[in-house]
Amino acid sequence: MLALPHATVPHVLSQTAVNAVPILIGVAALAVGVAFLAYGVRGSVDAFRVVRATPTDPRSLRDDDRRVRLSGRAETVPDRTADGATADAGSADDGTADRDATLPAPFTDEACLCCAYDVSEYRSQGKGRSWVTIDSGEAGVPFRVASNGSAVRVDPAAADFVFSVDEETKLNAGERPPERIRRFTDAVAAVDETDTGYEFGPLTLGDDPRRRYRQRLLRPGDEVTVVGDAEVFPDAPVGEVKSMIAGGSPFVVGDAPARRTALRLVGRSVVPLVLGIVSLTVAAVALSPLLGGAPVSFLLPGAAA
């Protein structure tokens, strides 16, 4: 009786299907790694540009100057009616900023010119726990940088805020938040106060209940550093130059001198850079079969068999 050879097509198809899994993992890791690296590199480049930006006196600022650095005292805009954009910013804040061109701080109700906040929960991450941001935001109203008897208008709508932490509040299970934080959680659906869990000594029933509320502020009278591009401002009131800062690459508003602001930008870039390198390493290992390397059998238990 004639013996027929065994068909090998199903085995080949199965092997191809198995090998496609690490390839998909590698492609995903590659995309994530490139995104993290791009974000981290951008922060480092911005830090370098902040240090290298040209220090400029308000009186010598021209509307075609690029990548200038202003340092001085942050002041409110004295006449809101002189700038329609400023009036719009105040009306969006329920009338709380109509007179003095300021905003209420998210968690303390202080008057500020720019603010940034984040709300985090202490959650399990793999084998450990860490703070996970569940909501964040920032806002600002036009202000001016005063120095040497003159001032420059700044519209921070598109700026990158680089401020130190001004206020941090941590709340455990069952702990009643301060009144201002409670009003904030009532108004923002993403951080609506909920029953997140209960603590019994080292044990937690339900989700981890701890929360952290942080805010960063630029107040009237604070020292400020602004890096950006100048543009014409023909409606400047008395005491301000006819140019303003409303954009640039980078466009940074910081509450510290230039070098410290740059160091903070570098510090924010470290985690994305590390995550990018790790993701690209995973991608290189997972895609090694396509690059002529050995198959990645450890990613799939039993695949080597």
Protein backbone atom coordinates (compact mmCIF):
# COMPACT_ATOMS: atom_id res chain seq x y z
CA MET A 1 0.00 0.00 0.00
CA LEU A 2 1.37 3.40 -1.00
CA ALA A 3 2.11 5.64 2.00
CA LEU A 4 1.25 9.30 1.55
CA PRO A 5 3.46 11.97 3.13
CA HIS A 6 2.02 13.88 6.07
CA ALA A 7 0.64 17.29 5.26
CA THR A 8 2.70 20.06 6.83
CA VAL A 9 0.64 23.08 5.84
CA PRO A 10 -1.38 23.30 9.08
CA HIS A 11 1.83 23.22 11.13
CA VAL A 12 3.33 26.03 9.06
CA LEU A 13 0.18 28.09 9.39
CA SER A 14 0.11 27.50 13.14
CA GLN A 15 3.75 28.51 13.50
CA THR A 16 3.11 31.64 11.43
CA ALA A 17 0.15 32.56 13.62
CA VAL A 18 2.20 32.08 16.77
CA ASN A 19 5.08 34.19 15.47
CA ALA A 20 2.69 37.01 14.58
CA VAL A 21 1.94 37.65 18.26
CA PRO A 22 5.43 38.88 19.28
CA ILE A 23 5.56 40.88 16.05
CA LEU A 24 2.35 42.69 17.02
CA ILE A 25 3.76 43.25 20.50
CA GLY A 26 6.93 44.64 18.96
CA VAL A 27 5.07 47.02 16.67
CA ALA A 28 2.96 48.33 19.57
CA ALA A 29 6.05 48.74 21.78
CA LEU A 30 7.83 50.54 18.94
CA ALA A 31 4.99 53.04 18.54
CA VAL A 32 4.79 53.68 22.28
CA GLY A 33 8.57 54.00 22.56
CA VAL A 34 8.80 56.53 19.75
CA ALA A 35 6.00 58.61 21.31
CA PHE A 36 7.65 58.62 24.75
CA LEU A 37 11.07 59.45 23.31
CA ALA A 38 9.65 62.29 21.21
CA TYR A 39 7.97 63.79 24.28
CA GLY A 40 11.09 63.41 26.41
CA VAL A 41 13.44 64.80 23.77
CA ARG A 42 11.14 67.75 23.22
CA GLY A 43 11.28 68.64 26.91
CA SER A 44 15.08 68.45 26.92
CA VAL A 45 15.31 70.58 23.78
CA ASP A 46 12.94 73.14 25.30
CA ALA A 47 15.13 73.26 28.42
CA PHE A 48 18.19 74.01 26.29
CA ARG A 49 16.30 76.73 24.41
CA VAL A 50 15.13 78.35 27.65
CA VAL A 51 18.74 78.70 28.81
CA ARG A 52 19.91 79.93 25.40
CA ALA A 53 17.04 82.40 24.89
CA THR A 54 18.09 86.04 24.60
CA PRO A 55 17.57 88.00 27.85
CA THR A 56 15.56 91.06 26.83
CA ASP A 57 14.61 94.27 28.58
CA PRO A 58 10.94 95.20 28.04
CA ARG A 59 11.88 98.62 26.66
CA SER A 60 14.03 97.06 23.91
CA LEU A 61 11.51 94.38 22.85
CA ARG A 62 10.47 94.52 19.18
CA ASP A 63 7.49 92.78 17.61
CA ASP A 64 9.72 90.64 15.36
CA ASP A 65 11.97 89.32 18.13
CA ARG A 66 12.09 85.53 18.39
CA ARG A 67 12.89 83.30 21.35
CA VAL A 68 13.34 86.09 23.86
CA ARG A 69 13.49 85.71 27.63
CA LEU A 70 11.79 88.15 29.95
CA SER A 71 12.32 88.19 33.70
CA GLY A 72 10.53 90.39 36.17
CA ARG A 73 7.49 90.69 38.41
CA ALA A 74 4.12 89.27 37.36
CA GLU A 75 1.36 91.88 37.52
CA THR A 76 -2.34 91.95 36.78
CA VAL A 77 -3.55 93.70 33.66
CA PRO A 78 -4.82 97.03 35.06
CA ASP A 79 -7.58 97.69 32.50
CA ARG A 80 -9.50 94.61 31.37
CA THR A 81 -11.53 96.58 28.84
CA ALA A 82 -8.34 97.29 26.88
CA ASP A 83 -8.12 93.68 25.79
CA GLY A 84 -11.21 91.82 24.60
CA ALA A 85 -9.51 88.44 25.02
CA THR A 86 -8.91 89.21 28.66
CA ALA A 87 -12.53 90.12 29.21
CA ASP A 88 -13.62 86.84 27.65
CA ALA A 89 -11.32 84.92 30.00
CA GLY A 90 -12.91 86.64 32.99
CA SER A 91 -16.48 85.99 31.87
CA ALA A 92 -15.70 82.27 31.50
CA ASP A 93 -14.87 82.22 35.19
CA ASP A 94 -18.42 83.04 36.38
CA GLY A 95 -17.54 86.67 37.03
CA THR A 96 -14.96 85.95 39.73
CA ALA A 97 -12.18 87.62 37.73
CA ASP A 98 -14.09 90.59 36.30
CA ARG A 99 -12.34 93.33 38.30
CA ASP A 100 -8.76 92.33 38.88
CA ALA A 101 -7.89 89.98 35.99
CA THR A 102 -7.16 87.02 38.24
CA LEU A 103 -8.42 83.47 38.65
CA PRO A 104 -9.33 81.61 41.85
CA ALA A 105 -6.90 78.81 42.66
CA PRO A 106 -8.54 75.37 42.31
CA PHE A 107 -7.98 74.17 45.88
CA THR A 108 -7.34 77.30 47.97
CA ASP A 109 -9.40 80.12 46.39
CA GLU A 110 -6.34 82.38 46.22
CA ALA A 111 -6.15 84.97 43.46
CA CYS A 112 -3.67 83.88 40.79
CA LEU A 113 -2.67 84.69 37.24
CA CYS A 114 -1.93 81.13 36.11
CA CYS A 115 -2.69 77.81 37.74
CA ALA A 116 -2.15 74.12 37.10
CA TYR A 117 -3.57 71.24 39.12
CA ASP A 118 -3.62 67.47 39.22
CA VAL A 119 -5.69 64.95 41.17
CA SER A 120 -4.19 61.50 41.75
CA GLU A 121 -5.27 58.24 43.37
CA TYR A 122 -2.95 55.76 45.05
CA ARG A 123 -3.57 52.59 43.05
CA SER A 124 -2.08 49.15 42.65
CA GLN A 125 0.30 48.99 39.69
CA GLY A 126 1.59 45.48 39.03
CA LYS A 127 3.36 44.32 42.18
CA GLY A 128 3.41 47.74 43.79
CA ARG A 129 1.43 50.93 44.15
CA SER A 130 1.87 54.41 42.79
CA TRP A 131 0.04 57.68 42.31
CA VAL A 132 -2.08 57.67 39.14
CA THR A 133 -3.37 60.98 37.78
CA ILE A 134 -7.14 60.89 37.24
CA ASP A 135 -7.58 64.53 36.28
CA SER A 136 -5.43 67.56 35.54
CA GLY A 137 -5.78 70.98 34.01
CA GLU A 138 -4.38 74.47 33.75
CA ALA A 139 -5.65 77.97 33.07
CA GLY A 140 -4.38 81.50 32.93
CA VAL A 141 -5.37 85.08 32.24
CA PRO A 142 -3.28 87.70 30.44
CA PHE A 143 -0.79 89.41 32.73
CA ARG A 144 2.26 91.57 32.32
CA VAL A 145 5.93 91.18 33.17
CA ALA A 146 7.21 94.37 34.81
CA SER A 147 10.90 95.25 34.90
CA ASN A 148 12.93 98.47 34.90
CA GLY A 149 9.91 100.76 34.84
CA SER A 150 8.20 99.14 31.85
CA ALA A 151 6.07 96.06 31.20
CA VAL A 152 5.25 93.48 28.52
CA ARG A 153 1.83 91.88 28.09
CA VAL A 154 1.77 88.06 28.11
CA ASP A 155 -1.17 85.91 26.99
CA PRO A 156 -0.46 82.47 28.52
CA ALA A 157 -3.26 80.56 26.76
CA ALA A 158 -0.79 78.40 24.78
CA ALA A 159 2.10 78.44 27.27
CA ASP A 160 3.77 75.53 29.01
CA PHE A 161 3.56 76.24 32.75
CA VAL A 162 6.66 75.28 34.75
CA PHE A 163 5.76 76.02 38.38
CA SER A 164 6.76 74.48 41.68
CA VAL A 165 4.12 72.69 43.76
CA ASP A 166 2.34 75.36 45.77
CA GLU A 167 -0.18 73.27 47.70
CA GLU A 168 -0.52 69.52 48.26
CA THR A 169 -3.36 67.85 50.15
CA LYS A 170 -3.58 64.11 50.79
CA LEU A 171 -6.82 62.54 52.01
CA ASN A 172 -7.33 59.07 53.46
CA ALA A 173 -10.51 56.97 53.59
CA GLY A 174 -13.34 58.71 55.40
CA GLU A 175 -11.43 61.97 55.71
CA ARG A 176 -13.55 65.00 54.92
CA PRO A 177 -11.92 67.26 52.30
CA PRO A 178 -11.61 71.00 52.90
CA GLU A 179 -14.52 73.11 51.70
CA ARG A 180 -12.77 74.42 48.58
CA ILE A 181 -11.72 70.91 47.46
CA ARG A 182 -15.24 69.65 48.10
CA ARG A 183 -16.65 72.39 45.86
CA PHE A 184 -14.12 71.42 43.21
CA THR A 185 -15.01 67.72 43.31
CA ASP A 186 -18.71 68.58 43.16
CA ALA A 187 -18.13 70.65 40.01
CA VAL A 188 -15.76 68.32 38.13
CA ALA A 189 -17.27 64.98 37.11
CA ALA A 190 -13.89 63.29 36.59
CA VAL A 191 -13.02 63.69 40.27
CA ASP A 192 -16.50 63.48 41.77
CA GLU A 193 -16.17 62.44 45.38
CA THR A 194 -17.12 58.76 45.65
CA ASP A 195 -16.91 55.95 48.16
CA THR A 196 -13.55 54.56 47.05
CA GLY A 197 -12.90 52.01 49.79
CA TYR A 198 -12.20 51.40 53.45
CA GLU A 199 -8.96 50.88 55.33
CA PHE A 200 -8.55 48.31 58.10
CA GLY A 201 -4.96 48.61 59.23
CA PRO A 202 -2.77 47.49 56.32
CA LEU A 203 -5.77 46.13 54.38
CA THR A 204 -8.02 48.03 51.99
CA LEU A 205 -11.48 46.86 50.98
CA GLY A 206 -12.48 48.14 47.57
CA ASP A 207 -10.33 50.56 45.63
CA ASP A 208 -7.51 52.31 47.43
CA PRO A 209 -9.11 55.36 49.07
CA ARG A 210 -6.18 57.73 49.17
CA ARG A 211 -6.21 60.83 47.01
CA ARG A 212 -3.77 63.65 46.41
CA TYR A 213 -4.68 67.16 45.28
CA ARG A 214 -1.85 69.39 44.04
CA GLN A 215 -1.81 72.87 42.59
CA ARG A 216 0.84 75.14 41.12
CA LEU A 217 0.28 78.89 40.99
CA LEU A 218 1.65 82.12 39.61
CA ARG A 219 0.36 84.96 41.79
CA PRO A 220 0.45 88.72 41.26
CA GLY A 221 3.79 89.93 42.56
CA ASP A 222 5.64 86.64 41.97
CA GLU A 223 8.91 86.61 40.09
CA VAL A 224 8.32 85.18 36.62
CA THR A 225 10.36 84.02 33.62
CA VAL A 226 8.75 84.02 30.18
CA VAL A 227 10.33 82.61 27.01
CA GLY A 228 8.57 83.05 23.68
CA ASP A 229 8.18 85.07 20.49
CA ALA A 230 7.12 88.70 20.36
CA GLU A 231 4.26 90.02 18.26
CA VAL A 232 2.78 93.45 17.69
CA PHE A 233 0.40 94.82 20.33
CA PRO A 234 -0.81 98.21 19.08
CA ASP A 235 -3.46 98.58 21.81
CA ALA A 236 -0.96 98.46 24.65
CA PRO A 237 -2.02 100.80 27.49
CA VAL A 238 0.26 103.34 29.10
CA GLY A 239 3.13 101.60 30.88
CA GLU A 240 3.32 98.67 28.45
CA VAL A 241 5.41 98.32 25.29
CA LYS A 242 3.75 97.89 21.89
CA SER A 243 4.75 94.21 21.71
CA MET A 244 3.45 91.17 23.56
CA ILE A 245 4.29 87.48 24.06
CA ALA A 246 1.56 85.01 23.10
CA GLY A 247 3.38 82.08 21.50
CA GLY A 248 6.69 80.63 20.45
CA SER A 249 8.74 77.47 20.29
CA PRO A 250 9.11 77.04 23.15
CA PHE A 251 6.55 79.20 24.92
CA VAL A 252 7.27 78.78 28.62
CA VAL A 253 6.04 80.57 31.74
CA GLY A 254 7.96 79.71 34.91
CA ASP A 255 8.05 80.95 38.48
CA ALA A 256 11.83 80.58 38.82
CA PRO A 257 14.97 81.88 37.10
CA ALA A 258 15.84 80.51 33.67
CA ARG A 259 18.28 77.82 34.79
CA ARG A 260 15.95 76.41 37.43
CA THR A 261 13.07 76.46 34.94
CA ALA A 262 15.25 74.54 32.48
CA LEU A 263 16.18 71.98 35.14
CA ARG A 264 12.48 71.40 35.86
CA LEU A 265 11.86 70.80 32.16
CA VAL A 266 14.70 68.28 32.09
CA GLY A 267 13.31 66.60 35.21
CA ARG A 268 9.91 66.21 33.56
CA SER A 269 11.62 64.58 30.57
CA VAL A 270 13.42 61.84 32.51
CA VAL A 271 10.45 59.49 32.98
CA PRO A 272 9.28 59.66 29.33
CA LEU A 273 12.85 59.06 28.14
CA VAL A 274 13.27 56.01 30.39
CA LEU A 275 9.88 54.61 29.34
CA GLY A 276 10.78 55.22 25.71
CA ILE A 277 14.06 53.34 26.01
CA VAL A 278 12.37 50.42 27.77
CA SER A 279 9.63 50.27 25.12
CA LEU A 280 12.14 50.34 22.28
CA THR A 281 14.15 47.56 23.95
CA VAL A 282 11.02 45.40 24.13
CA ALA A 283 10.30 46.24 20.48
CA ALA A 284 13.82 45.26 19.41
CA VAL A 285 13.59 41.91 21.20
CA ALA A 286 10.09 41.17 19.92
CA LEU A 287 10.95 42.11 16.33
CA SER A 288 14.29 40.28 16.30
CA PRO A 289 12.94 37.48 13.99
CA LEU A 290 12.26 40.11 11.33
CA LEU A 291 15.71 41.56 11.87
CA GLY A 292 17.45 38.22 11.43
CA GLY A 293 17.77 37.40 15.13
CA ALA A 294 16.63 34.34 17.05
CA PRO A 295 12.87 33.88 17.55
CA VAL A 296 11.52 35.34 20.77
CA SER A 297 10.14 32.20 22.36
CA PHE A 298 10.15 33.55 25.91
CA LEU A 299 7.31 35.93 25.09
CA LEU A 300 5.05 32.96 24.39
CA PRO A 301 5.19 30.16 26.98
CA GLY A 302 5.45 26.82 25.24
CA ALA A 303 6.20 28.37 21.85
CA ALA A 304 9.69 26.88 21.79
CA ALA A 305 8.21 23.39 21.97
